[in-house]
Protein backbone atom coordinates (compact mmCIF):
# COMPACT_ATOMS: atom_id res chain seq x y z
CA UNK A 1 127.22 191.19 100.45
CA UNK A 2 125.95 187.68 101.20
CA UNK A 3 125.68 185.19 98.36
CA UNK A 4 124.38 181.66 98.01
CA UNK A 5 127.37 179.36 97.53
CA UNK A 6 127.05 175.84 96.04
CA UNK A 7 128.43 172.92 98.01
CA UNK A 8 128.22 169.13 98.18
CA UNK A 9 126.47 167.43 101.10
CA UNK A 10 128.91 165.04 102.76
CA UNK A 11 126.87 163.94 105.75
CA UNK A 12 123.37 164.48 107.17
CA UNK A 13 122.33 164.41 110.82
CA UNK A 14 118.97 164.92 112.46
CA UNK A 15 118.62 166.01 116.07
CA UNK A 16 115.29 166.86 117.70
CA UNK A 17 113.63 167.09 114.30
CA UNK A 18 116.20 169.53 112.90
CA UNK A 19 118.25 168.53 109.85
CA UNK A 20 121.84 169.63 109.51
CA UNK A 21 124.83 168.35 107.68
CA UNK A 22 128.41 168.86 106.66
CA UNK A 23 128.72 170.56 103.27
CA UNK A 24 131.92 170.86 101.24
CA UNK A 25 132.76 174.09 99.40
CA UNK A 26 135.92 173.33 97.45
CA UNK A 27 138.41 172.41 100.18
CA UNK A 28 136.33 173.84 103.04
CA UNK A 29 133.69 171.94 105.02
CA UNK A 30 131.05 173.77 107.05
CA UNK A 31 128.03 172.82 109.14
CA UNK A 32 124.82 173.77 107.30
CA UNK A 33 121.15 173.59 108.22
CA UNK A 34 119.16 171.47 105.76
CA UNK A 35 115.60 172.15 106.97
CA UNK A 36 114.62 174.06 103.81
CA UNK A 37 115.69 171.20 101.51
CA UNK A 38 114.18 168.05 103.03
CA UNK A 39 114.75 166.25 99.72
CA UNK A 40 118.54 166.75 99.90
CA UNK A 41 120.61 163.65 100.55
CA UNK A 42 124.27 162.78 100.86
CA UNK A 43 126.12 163.54 97.62
CA UNK A 44 123.63 166.19 96.47
CA UNK A 45 124.66 169.75 95.69
CA UNK A 46 122.89 172.57 97.49
CA UNK A 47 122.98 176.35 97.40
CA UNK A 48 123.85 177.70 100.86
CA UNK A 49 123.03 181.19 102.11
CA UNK A 50 124.11 182.31 105.61
CA UNK A 51 124.40 178.72 106.85
CA UNK A 52 121.11 177.43 105.40
CA UNK A 53 120.77 175.27 102.30
CA UNK A 54 118.02 176.96 100.27
CA UNK A 55 117.80 174.74 97.17
CA UNK A 56 119.25 171.72 95.40
CA UNK A 57 121.18 172.11 92.14
CA UNK A 58 122.76 169.62 89.79
CA UNK A 59 126.53 169.10 89.83
CA UNK A 60 127.19 170.99 86.57
CA UNK A 61 125.27 174.06 87.73
CA UNK A 62 126.98 173.94 91.13
CA UNK A 63 130.42 173.76 89.52
CA UNK A 64 129.71 176.63 87.08
CA UNK A 65 128.37 178.83 89.87
CA UNK A 66 131.26 178.01 92.20
CA UNK A 67 133.83 178.79 89.50
CA UNK A 68 132.14 182.10 88.62
CA UNK A 69 132.00 183.16 92.28
CA UNK A 70 135.61 182.08 92.77
CA UNK A 71 136.72 184.13 89.74
CA UNK A 72 135.02 187.19 91.27
CA UNK A 73 136.75 186.57 94.61
CA UNK A 74 133.40 186.08 96.32
CA UNK A 75 134.12 182.61 97.73
CA UNK A 76 136.92 183.79 99.98
CA UNK A 77 134.82 186.70 101.22
CA UNK A 78 131.98 184.37 102.24
CA UNK A 79 133.68 181.21 103.55
CA UNK A 80 137.44 181.83 103.56
CA UNK A 81 140.26 180.62 101.30
CA UNK A 82 139.34 177.60 99.19
CA UNK A 83 141.42 174.82 97.67
CA UNK A 84 140.31 175.04 94.04
CA UNK A 85 141.69 171.56 93.35
CA UNK A 86 139.31 170.00 95.88
CA UNK A 87 136.03 170.40 93.94
CA UNK A 88 135.79 166.81 92.72
CA UNK A 89 136.94 165.11 95.93
C-alpha cells in the first residue's frame, strides 16, 4: 500500500522548468518533485506520495500524521527506518 507521508522541505531546485527539492521525513531525506505544489517553499511541510508532493500541510498536522503512520509501522514500509528523534531538526 502506498501512503502520503508528511515531510519538511529543506531545499528547492528548479531545472528546465521542473521543481524538485530535498524533503526530510524524520531522520531520512529524499528527493521529491514539487511541481504539484508550486506554492511550497523551504521550511514548509508537504504530503508526499510516490515521490511527488501533493499538498501543503501545517506543521501540527504533519507531525500528527507522521506519528500516526509511524505507530502503525507504515513509515518504515514506505521510506525505510526513521530516526523518531529527528522530527524537529
